[in-house]
N, C-alpha and C. Protein backbone atom coordinates (compact mmCIF):
# COMPACT_ATOMS: atom_id res chain seq x y z
N UNK A 1 27.82 9.02 -6.36
CA UNK A 1 26.24 9.00 -6.95
C UNK A 1 25.17 10.44 -5.80
N UNK A 2 24.50 11.22 -6.73
CA UNK A 2 23.79 12.08 -6.34
C UNK A 2 22.49 11.95 -5.35
N UNK A 3 22.76 12.51 -4.49
CA UNK A 3 22.15 12.73 -3.31
C UNK A 3 20.60 12.25 -3.65
N UNK A 4 20.47 13.48 -3.95
CA UNK A 4 18.60 13.01 -5.06
C UNK A 4 18.40 11.50 -5.34
N UNK A 5 18.94 11.02 -6.01
CA UNK A 5 19.10 9.83 -6.60
C UNK A 5 19.00 8.67 -6.08
N UNK A 6 20.04 8.57 -4.44
CA UNK A 6 20.04 7.58 -3.81
C UNK A 6 19.05 7.75 -2.74
N UNK A 7 18.30 9.01 -2.23
CA UNK A 7 17.22 9.32 -1.51
C UNK A 7 16.11 8.26 -2.79
N UNK A 8 16.06 8.39 -3.27
CA UNK A 8 15.51 8.05 -4.53
C UNK A 8 15.00 6.45 -4.89
N UNK A 9 16.68 6.24 -4.72
CA UNK A 9 16.63 4.31 -4.40
C UNK A 9 16.54 4.06 -3.17
N UNK A 10 17.10 4.52 -2.21
CA UNK A 10 16.70 4.21 -1.13
C UNK A 10 14.76 3.92 -0.74
N UNK A 11 14.51 5.27 -0.93
CA UNK A 11 13.16 4.87 -0.46
C UNK A 11 12.04 4.18 -1.64
N UNK A 12 12.10 3.53 -2.78
CA UNK A 12 11.77 3.09 -3.29
C UNK A 12 12.19 1.99 -2.80
N UNK A 13 13.59 1.05 -2.45
CA UNK A 13 13.63 -0.10 -2.41
C UNK A 13 12.96 -0.11 -0.89
N UNK A 14 13.25 0.65 0.59
CA UNK A 14 11.95 0.18 1.35
C UNK A 14 10.13 0.19 1.17
N UNK A 15 10.01 0.61 -0.17
CA UNK A 15 8.49 0.24 -0.12
C UNK A 15 8.58 -0.76 -0.85
N UNK A 16 9.38 -1.00 -1.97
CA UNK A 16 9.23 -2.56 -2.51
C UNK A 16 9.56 -3.71 -1.61
N UNK A 17 10.51 -3.36 -0.73
CA UNK A 17 11.37 -4.29 0.90
C UNK A 17 10.19 -4.57 1.18
N UNK A 18 8.92 -3.75 2.44
CA UNK A 18 7.92 -4.19 2.56
C UNK A 18 7.08 -4.79 1.49
N UNK A 19 6.69 -4.64 0.64
CA UNK A 19 5.88 -5.44 -0.35
C UNK A 19 6.25 -6.99 -0.66
N UNK A 20 7.08 -6.33 -0.53
CA UNK A 20 8.45 -7.95 -0.57
C UNK A 20 8.56 -9.08 0.03
N UNK A 21 8.44 -8.68 0.96
CA UNK A 21 8.53 -9.73 2.50
C UNK A 21 6.98 -10.30 2.52
N UNK A 22 6.29 -9.07 2.00
CA UNK A 22 4.72 -9.65 3.34
C UNK A 22 4.27 -10.59 1.70
N UNK A 23 5.30 -10.72 0.60
CA UNK A 23 4.31 -11.41 -0.29
C UNK A 23 5.04 -12.74 0.20
N UNK A 24 6.54 -12.71 0.39
CA UNK A 24 6.57 -13.61 0.75
C UNK A 24 6.77 -14.49 1.43
N UNK A 25 6.17 -14.41 3.01
CA UNK A 25 5.42 -14.26 4.26
C UNK A 25 4.02 -15.14 3.77
N UNK A 26 3.60 -14.78 2.82
CA UNK A 26 1.83 -15.23 2.48
C UNK A 26 2.49 -16.26 1.03
N UNK A 27 3.26 -16.10 0.40
CA UNK A 27 3.78 -16.99 -0.91
C UNK A 27 2.54 -18.40 -1.04
N UNK A 28 3.34 -18.94 0.10
CA UNK A 28 2.28 -20.51 0.24
C UNK A 28 0.95 -20.60 0.14
N UNK A 29 0.60 -19.18 0.67
CA UNK A 29 -1.54 -19.28 0.71
C UNK A 29 -1.67 -18.42 -0.65
N UNK A 30 -1.32 -18.13 -1.25
CA UNK A 30 -1.51 -17.66 -2.42
C UNK A 30 -2.63 -18.49 -3.22
N UNK A 31 -2.14 -20.10 -3.27
CA UNK A 31 -3.66 -20.97 -3.62
C UNK A 31 -4.91 -19.82 -3.70
N UNK A 32 -5.26 -19.59 -2.13
CA UNK A 32 -6.74 -19.63 -2.06
C UNK A 32 -7.04 -18.83 -3.29
N UNK A 33 -6.22 -17.75 -3.70
CA UNK A 33 -7.24 -16.75 -4.58
C UNK A 33 -7.69 -18.26 -5.86
N UNK A 34 -7.49 -18.77 -6.07
CA UNK A 34 -7.67 -19.42 -6.98
C UNK A 34 -8.44 -20.45 -6.39
N UNK A 35 -8.62 -20.47 -5.22
CA UNK A 35 -9.80 -21.46 -4.66
C UNK A 35 -11.34 -21.44 -4.33
N UNK A 36 -11.46 -19.83 -4.33
CA UNK A 36 -12.20 -19.23 -2.92
C UNK A 36 -12.83 -18.71 -4.52
N UNK A 37 -14.86 -18.31 -4.06
CA UNK A 37 -16.06 -17.63 -5.09
C UNK A 37 -15.44 -15.81 -5.60
N UNK A 38 -15.80 -15.44 -5.85
CA UNK A 38 -14.46 -14.16 -6.29
C UNK A 38 -15.74 -13.16 -7.44
N UNK A 39 -15.46 -12.05 -7.46
CA UNK A 39 -17.17 -11.65 -7.49
C UNK A 39 -16.35 -11.31 -9.13
N UNK A 40 -17.56 -10.64 -9.81
CA UNK A 40 -17.22 -10.92 -11.36
C UNK A 40 -16.48 -10.05 -12.05
N UNK A 41 -15.85 -8.66 -10.80
CA UNK A 41 -14.74 -7.85 -11.25
C UNK A 41 -13.80 -8.39 -11.01
N UNK A 42 -13.58 -9.59 -10.32
CA UNK A 42 -12.22 -10.05 -9.88
C UNK A 42 -10.73 -10.40 -10.91
N UNK A 43 -9.76 -9.72 -10.89
CA UNK A 43 -8.77 -9.57 -11.60
C UNK A 43 -8.05 -10.91 -11.53
N UNK A 44 -7.41 -11.28 -13.01
CA UNK A 44 -6.84 -12.25 -12.97
C UNK A 44 -5.85 -12.50 -11.66
N UNK A 45 -4.85 -13.30 -11.14
CA UNK A 45 -4.01 -13.06 -10.25
C UNK A 45 -2.37 -12.31 -10.63
N UNK A 46 -2.35 -12.77 -11.59
CA UNK A 46 -0.79 -12.60 -12.49
C UNK A 46 -1.10 -10.72 -12.32
N UNK A 47 -2.19 -10.30 -12.16
CA UNK A 47 -2.03 -8.43 -12.24
C UNK A 47 -1.24 -8.02 -11.20
N UNK A 48 -2.05 -8.22 -9.77
CA UNK A 48 -1.48 -7.48 -8.42
C UNK A 48 -0.14 -7.59 -8.00
N UNK A 49 0.77 -8.69 -8.83
CA UNK A 49 2.43 -8.28 -8.48
C UNK A 49 2.54 -7.22 -9.11
N UNK A 50 2.09 -6.92 -10.52
CA UNK A 50 2.39 -5.87 -11.25
C UNK A 50 2.21 -4.70 -11.20
N UNK A 51 0.24 -4.95 -10.23
CA UNK A 51 0.10 -3.62 -10.19
C UNK A 51 1.07 -3.30 -8.54
N UNK A 52 0.88 -4.09 -7.98
CA UNK A 52 1.73 -3.64 -7.00
C UNK A 52 3.03 -3.30 -6.80
N UNK A 53 4.05 -3.89 -7.52
CA UNK A 53 5.33 -3.30 -8.10
C UNK A 53 4.99 -2.02 -8.44
N UNK A 54 4.12 -1.23 -9.24
CA UNK A 54 4.01 0.08 -9.80
C UNK A 54 3.98 1.19 -8.51
N UNK A 55 3.03 -0.14 -7.62
CA UNK A 55 2.23 2.18 -6.75
C UNK A 55 3.07 1.36 -5.76
N UNK A 56 4.04 0.25 -5.29
CA UNK A 56 5.25 0.08 -4.15
C UNK A 56 6.28 1.01 -4.93
N UNK A 57 6.71 1.56 -5.78
CA UNK A 57 7.63 2.14 -7.27
C UNK A 57 6.93 4.12 -6.69
N UNK A 58 5.44 3.70 -6.97
CA UNK A 58 5.37 5.20 -6.78
C UNK A 58 5.08 5.67 -5.09
N UNK A 59 4.57 5.04 -4.21
CA UNK A 59 5.24 5.46 -2.56
C UNK A 59 6.85 5.70 -1.67
N UNK A 60 7.39 5.05 -3.18
CA UNK A 60 9.23 5.16 -2.54
C UNK A 60 9.58 6.72 -3.05
N UNK A 61 8.87 7.03 -4.21
CA UNK A 61 9.49 8.40 -5.19
C UNK A 61 8.84 9.44 -4.29
N UNK A 62 7.46 9.29 -3.85
CA UNK A 62 6.45 10.16 -3.33
C UNK A 62 7.59 10.34 -1.31
N UNK A 63 7.71 9.59 -1.26
CA UNK A 63 8.34 9.69 0.49
C UNK A 63 9.50 10.14 0.00
N UNK A 64 10.25 9.72 -0.80
CA UNK A 64 11.84 10.67 -0.77
C UNK A 64 11.47 12.12 -1.26
N UNK A 65 10.70 12.17 -2.30
CA UNK A 65 9.88 13.86 -1.91
C UNK A 65 9.84 14.72 -1.00
N UNK A 66 9.25 13.87 -0.17
CA UNK A 66 8.92 14.93 1.15
C UNK A 66 10.38 14.31 1.59
N UNK A 67 10.66 13.51 1.99
CA UNK A 67 12.03 13.34 3.31
C UNK A 67 12.65 14.60 2.14
N UNK A 68 12.52 14.72 0.82
CA UNK A 68 14.00 15.79 0.54
C UNK A 68 13.46 17.26 0.84
N UNK A 69 11.86 17.88 1.69
CA UNK A 69 11.44 18.64 2.37
C UNK A 69 11.94 18.92 3.64
N UNK A 70 12.42 18.01 3.57
CA UNK A 70 12.09 17.89 5.77
C UNK A 70 13.20 19.20 6.24
N UNK A 71 14.94 19.63 5.43
CA UNK A 71 15.03 20.61 6.45
C UNK A 71 14.38 22.42 5.86
N UNK A 72 13.65 22.03 4.93
CA UNK A 72 12.48 23.33 4.94
C UNK A 72 11.13 23.15 6.17
N UNK A 73 10.75 22.13 6.44
CA UNK A 73 9.09 21.78 6.74
C UNK A 73 9.29 20.68 8.13
N UNK A 74 10.32 20.58 8.54
CA UNK A 74 10.61 19.56 9.44
C UNK A 74 10.34 18.75 10.37
N UNK A 75 8.61 19.43 10.89
CA UNK A 75 7.79 18.37 11.78
C UNK A 75 6.63 18.29 11.40
N UNK A 76 6.38 18.99 9.62
CA UNK A 76 5.13 18.70 8.94
C UNK A 76 5.54 17.14 8.20
N UNK A 77 6.54 17.20 7.93
CA UNK A 77 7.41 16.30 7.13
C UNK A 77 7.89 15.27 7.71
N UNK A 78 7.99 15.24 9.40
CA UNK A 78 7.85 14.16 9.92
C UNK A 78 7.02 13.33 11.07
N UNK A 79 5.98 13.97 10.64
CA UNK A 79 4.36 13.61 11.01
C UNK A 79 3.81 12.99 9.34
N UNK A 80 4.03 13.51 8.39
CA UNK A 80 4.05 12.59 6.89
C UNK A 80 4.59 11.64 6.93
N UNK A 81 6.17 11.59 7.09
CA UNK A 81 6.92 10.17 7.01
C UNK A 81 6.10 9.39 8.42
N UNK A 82 5.38 9.42 9.32
CA UNK A 82 5.54 8.41 10.58
C UNK A 82 4.24 8.39 9.97
N UNK A 83 2.70 9.15 8.93
CA UNK A 83 1.59 8.27 8.62
C UNK A 83 2.47 7.52 7.63
N UNK A 84 2.89 7.98 6.77
CA UNK A 84 3.41 6.56 6.04
C UNK A 84 4.37 5.60 6.34
N UNK A 85 4.60 5.64 6.93
CA UNK A 85 4.86 3.65 7.89
C UNK A 85 4.03 3.69 8.19
N UNK A 86 3.36 4.30 9.37
CA UNK A 86 2.03 3.36 9.68
C UNK A 86 1.09 2.77 8.55
N UNK A 87 1.62 3.55 7.46
CA UNK A 87 0.58 2.93 6.06
C UNK A 87 1.56 1.29 5.49
N UNK A 88 2.74 1.48 5.59
CA UNK A 88 3.36 0.43 5.22
C UNK A 88 3.45 -0.59 6.21
N UNK A 89 2.98 -0.37 7.54
CA UNK A 89 3.01 -1.06 9.00
C UNK A 89 1.39 -1.73 8.47
N UNK A 90 -0.08 -1.39 7.65
CA UNK A 90 -0.66 -1.70 7.93
C UNK A 90 -0.79 -2.37 6.89
N UNK A 91 -0.27 -1.73 5.32
CA UNK A 91 -0.16 -2.94 4.06
C UNK A 91 0.56 -3.49 3.80
N UNK A 92 1.41 -4.60 5.45
CA UNK A 92 2.28 -5.01 5.74
C UNK A 92 1.11 -6.07 5.84
N UNK A 93 0.82 -5.74 7.04
CA UNK A 93 -0.35 -7.48 7.15
C UNK A 93 -1.62 -7.43 6.80
N UNK A 94 -1.93 -6.68 5.40
CA UNK A 94 -3.24 -7.37 5.10
C UNK A 94 -3.15 -8.51 4.85
N UNK A 95 -2.28 -8.38 3.78
CA UNK A 95 -1.81 -9.60 2.60
C UNK A 95 -2.12 -11.21 4.24
N UNK A 96 -1.17 -10.62 5.47
CA UNK A 96 -1.63 -12.07 6.15
C UNK A 96 -2.76 -11.53 6.76
N UNK A 97 -3.49 -10.97 6.86
CA UNK A 97 -4.92 -11.01 7.46
C UNK A 97 -5.15 -11.90 6.73
N UNK A 98 -5.55 -11.79 5.27
CA UNK A 98 -6.52 -12.56 4.73
C UNK A 98 -5.34 -13.57 4.04
N UNK A 99 -4.71 -14.23 3.61
CA UNK A 99 -4.50 -15.15 2.52
C UNK A 99 -4.16 -16.53 4.20
N UNK A 100 -3.16 -15.49 5.60
CA UNK A 100 -2.24 -16.49 6.15
C UNK A 100 -3.50 -17.50 7.34
N UNK A 101 -4.46 -16.46 7.45
CA UNK A 101 -5.21 -16.27 8.44
C UNK A 101 -6.51 -16.52 7.64
N UNK A 102 -6.60 -16.30 6.75
CA UNK A 102 -8.19 -16.46 5.74
C UNK A 102 -9.41 -15.50 6.75
N UNK A 103 -8.68 -14.66 7.51
CA UNK A 103 -9.84 -13.38 7.94
C UNK A 103 -10.19 -12.84 7.35
N UNK A 104 -11.27 -12.84 6.22
CA UNK A 104 -11.95 -12.05 5.39
C UNK A 104 -12.22 -10.76 6.23
N UNK A 105 -12.92 -11.32 7.03
CA UNK A 105 -13.58 -9.85 7.48
C UNK A 105 -12.26 -8.65 8.02
N UNK A 106 -11.51 -9.70 9.39
CA UNK A 106 -11.19 -8.89 9.71
C UNK A 106 -10.10 -7.73 8.46
N UNK A 107 -10.18 -8.70 7.22
CA UNK A 107 -8.87 -8.50 5.99
C UNK A 107 -9.55 -7.05 5.76
N UNK A 108 -11.61 -7.05 5.16
CA UNK A 108 -11.54 -5.57 5.43
C UNK A 108 -11.98 -4.68 6.44
N UNK A 109 -11.84 -4.94 7.09
CA UNK A 109 -12.01 -4.06 8.79
C UNK A 109 -10.40 -3.22 8.30
N UNK A 110 -9.23 -3.84 8.25
CA UNK A 110 -7.90 -3.74 8.19
C UNK A 110 -7.65 -2.73 7.30
N UNK A 111 -8.45 -2.85 6.12
CA UNK A 111 -8.27 -2.29 5.07
C UNK A 111 -9.28 -1.18 5.17
N UNK A 112 -9.76 -1.50 5.56
CA UNK A 112 -10.57 0.53 5.71
C UNK A 112 -9.88 0.91 6.42
N UNK A 113 -9.38 0.62 7.94
CA UNK A 113 -8.30 1.60 8.39
C UNK A 113 -7.68 1.45 7.24
N UNK A 114 -6.37 1.10 6.15
CA UNK A 114 -5.67 1.33 5.39
C UNK A 114 -5.79 2.73 4.23
N UNK A 115 -7.81 2.08 4.24
CA UNK A 115 -8.04 3.56 2.93
C UNK A 115 -7.21 4.72 3.93
N UNK A 116 -8.39 5.08 5.30
CA UNK A 116 -8.31 6.04 5.68
C UNK A 116 -6.36 6.63 6.10
N UNK A 117 -6.23 5.68 6.24
CA UNK A 117 -4.15 6.12 6.36
C UNK A 117 -3.84 6.58 4.43
N UNK A 118 -4.60 5.73 4.36
CA UNK A 118 -3.37 6.63 3.01
C UNK A 118 -4.14 7.89 2.45
N UNK A 119 -5.75 7.96 3.07
CA UNK A 119 -6.32 9.14 2.39
C UNK A 119 -5.44 10.40 3.16
N UNK A 120 -4.98 10.05 4.45
CA UNK A 120 -5.10 10.86 5.07
C UNK A 120 -3.33 11.51 5.05
N UNK A 121 -1.96 10.34 4.51
CA UNK A 121 -1.00 10.35 3.88
C UNK A 121 -1.37 10.96 2.38
N UNK A 122 -2.13 11.07 1.67
CA UNK A 122 -2.04 11.87 0.40
C UNK A 122 -2.27 13.13 0.76
N UNK A 123 -2.85 13.46 2.07
CA UNK A 123 -3.32 15.26 2.24
C UNK A 123 -2.40 15.64 2.53
N UNK A 124 -1.22 15.05 3.42
CA UNK A 124 -0.28 15.85 4.08
C UNK A 124 1.52 15.66 2.49
N UNK A 125 1.01 14.24 2.61
CA UNK A 125 2.25 14.97 1.49
C UNK A 125 1.70 15.78 0.34
N UNK A 126 0.79 15.52 0.13
CA UNK A 126 -0.05 16.94 -1.17
C UNK A 126 0.56 18.53 -0.54
N UNK A 127 0.14 18.22 0.97
CA UNK A 127 0.51 19.73 1.93
C UNK A 127 1.73 20.59 1.67
N UNK A 128 3.24 18.77 1.29
CA UNK A 128 4.68 19.39 1.51
C UNK A 128 4.24 18.93 0.46
N UNK A 129 4.87 18.87 -0.90
CA UNK A 129 4.60 18.78 -2.81
C UNK A 129 3.45 17.95 -3.29
N UNK A 130 2.99 19.18 -3.77
CA UNK A 130 1.85 18.54 -4.13
C UNK A 130 2.23 17.19 -4.97
N UNK A 131 2.99 17.17 -5.76
CA UNK A 131 3.28 15.74 -7.19
C UNK A 131 3.33 14.27 -6.16
N UNK A 132 3.77 14.84 -4.85
CA UNK A 132 3.75 13.83 -3.37
C UNK A 132 2.36 13.34 -3.78
N UNK A 133 1.31 14.00 -3.75
CA UNK A 133 0.31 13.38 -2.89
C UNK A 133 -0.48 12.88 -4.08
N UNK A 134 -0.61 13.49 -5.18
CA UNK A 134 -1.00 13.26 -6.78
C UNK A 134 -0.76 11.62 -7.47
N UNK A 135 0.82 11.62 -6.53
CA UNK A 135 0.95 10.30 -7.02
C UNK A 135 0.67 9.07 -5.84
N UNK A 136 0.17 9.38 -4.83
CA UNK A 136 -0.63 8.43 -3.93
C UNK A 136 -2.03 8.09 -4.59
N UNK A 137 -2.45 9.24 -5.25
CA UNK A 137 -4.21 8.75 -5.84
C UNK A 137 -4.05 7.39 -6.54
N UNK A 138 -2.86 6.89 -7.29
CA UNK A 138 -3.66 5.02 -7.67
C UNK A 138 -3.40 4.78 -6.95
N UNK A 139 -2.54 4.59 -5.59
CA UNK A 139 -2.93 3.68 -4.81
C UNK A 139 -3.89 3.16 -3.85
N UNK A 140 -4.75 4.77 -3.75
CA UNK A 140 -6.09 4.84 -3.26
C UNK A 140 -7.17 4.29 -3.97
N UNK A 141 -7.02 4.75 -5.35
CA UNK A 141 -7.90 3.73 -6.15
C UNK A 141 -7.61 2.31 -6.07
N UNK A 142 -6.72 1.53 -5.75
CA UNK A 142 -6.51 0.11 -5.64
C UNK A 142 -6.96 -0.11 -5.03
N UNK A 143 -6.72 0.04 -3.86
CA UNK A 143 -7.43 -0.24 -2.20
C UNK A 143 -8.65 -0.03 -1.82
N UNK A 144 -9.18 1.08 -2.98
CA UNK A 144 -11.17 1.38 -2.83
C UNK A 144 -11.24 -0.17 -3.49
N UNK A 145 -10.56 -0.73 -5.02
CA UNK A 145 -10.94 -1.31 -5.31
C UNK A 145 -10.40 -2.70 -4.80
N UNK A 146 -9.52 -3.51 -3.93
CA UNK A 146 -9.58 -3.90 -3.08
C UNK A 146 -10.77 -3.98 -2.40
N UNK A 147 -10.54 -2.98 -1.51
CA UNK A 147 -11.73 -2.85 -0.62
C UNK A 147 -13.66 -3.62 -0.88
N UNK A 148 -13.36 -3.59 -2.49
CA UNK A 148 -14.26 -4.28 -2.86
C UNK A 148 -14.60 -5.78 -2.80
N UNK A 149 -13.12 -5.93 -3.61
CA UNK A 149 -13.07 -7.34 -3.88
C UNK A 149 -13.02 -8.00 -2.32
N UNK A 150 -11.91 -7.23 -1.04
CA UNK A 150 -12.41 -7.89 -0.30
C UNK A 150 -13.73 -8.67 1.28
N UNK A 151 -14.56 -7.25 0.62
CA UNK A 151 -15.47 -7.59 1.29
C UNK A 151 -16.64 -8.39 0.29
N UNK A 152 -16.81 -8.41 -1.05
CA UNK A 152 -17.24 -9.41 -1.71
C UNK A 152 -16.66 -11.13 -1.33
N UNK A 153 -15.54 -11.07 -1.42
CA UNK A 153 -15.06 -12.58 -1.06
C UNK A 153 -15.39 -12.92 0.31
N UNK A 154 -15.94 -12.05 1.56
CA UNK A 154 -16.29 -11.79 2.33
C UNK A 154 -16.96 -12.46 1.84
N UNK A 155 -18.03 -11.46 2.26
CA UNK A 155 -19.88 -11.81 1.24
C UNK A 155 -20.43 -13.27 0.57
N UNK A 156 -19.34 -13.59 -0.33
CA UNK A 156 -19.39 -14.81 -1.23
C UNK A 156 -19.04 -16.59 -0.67
N UNK A 157 -17.37 -16.42 0.10
CA UNK A 157 -17.26 -17.20 1.15
C UNK A 157 -17.78 -17.57 2.43
N UNK A 158 -18.47 -17.33 3.25
CA UNK A 158 -18.94 -17.67 4.65
C UNK A 158 -19.71 -18.75 4.77
């Protein structure tokens, strides 16, 4: 198998694995979404796994692009991948905080931290490989929308 394709497959599998494990750990509490008061722009629950699968795939592709540049820009690439790993950490725990703990305000604060880390990641990825940064813009936009949903749910369900 081509090394480039192998790196992309591994990178996508890591991102999807983080998302899949988080979903598995919150699966028993997903009914919460149908039980709570939601804002007017709240999408149907079926949309979330579709969007997240696309976003995790894009994360994997862009992280593979950055990883590929490690021989040319070692320190910069390492820092970017550390930010990426921290992003995955924050992303992983958000749904646990929101769905399992039902701590909507804490989840919103956590999401703000995630948003900031995504923005930093986009900048770092872009400096290494512009397309890698650009591929993360839909993720930032989705997390921005998730912030609106999260804050609205907190305010509507206090």
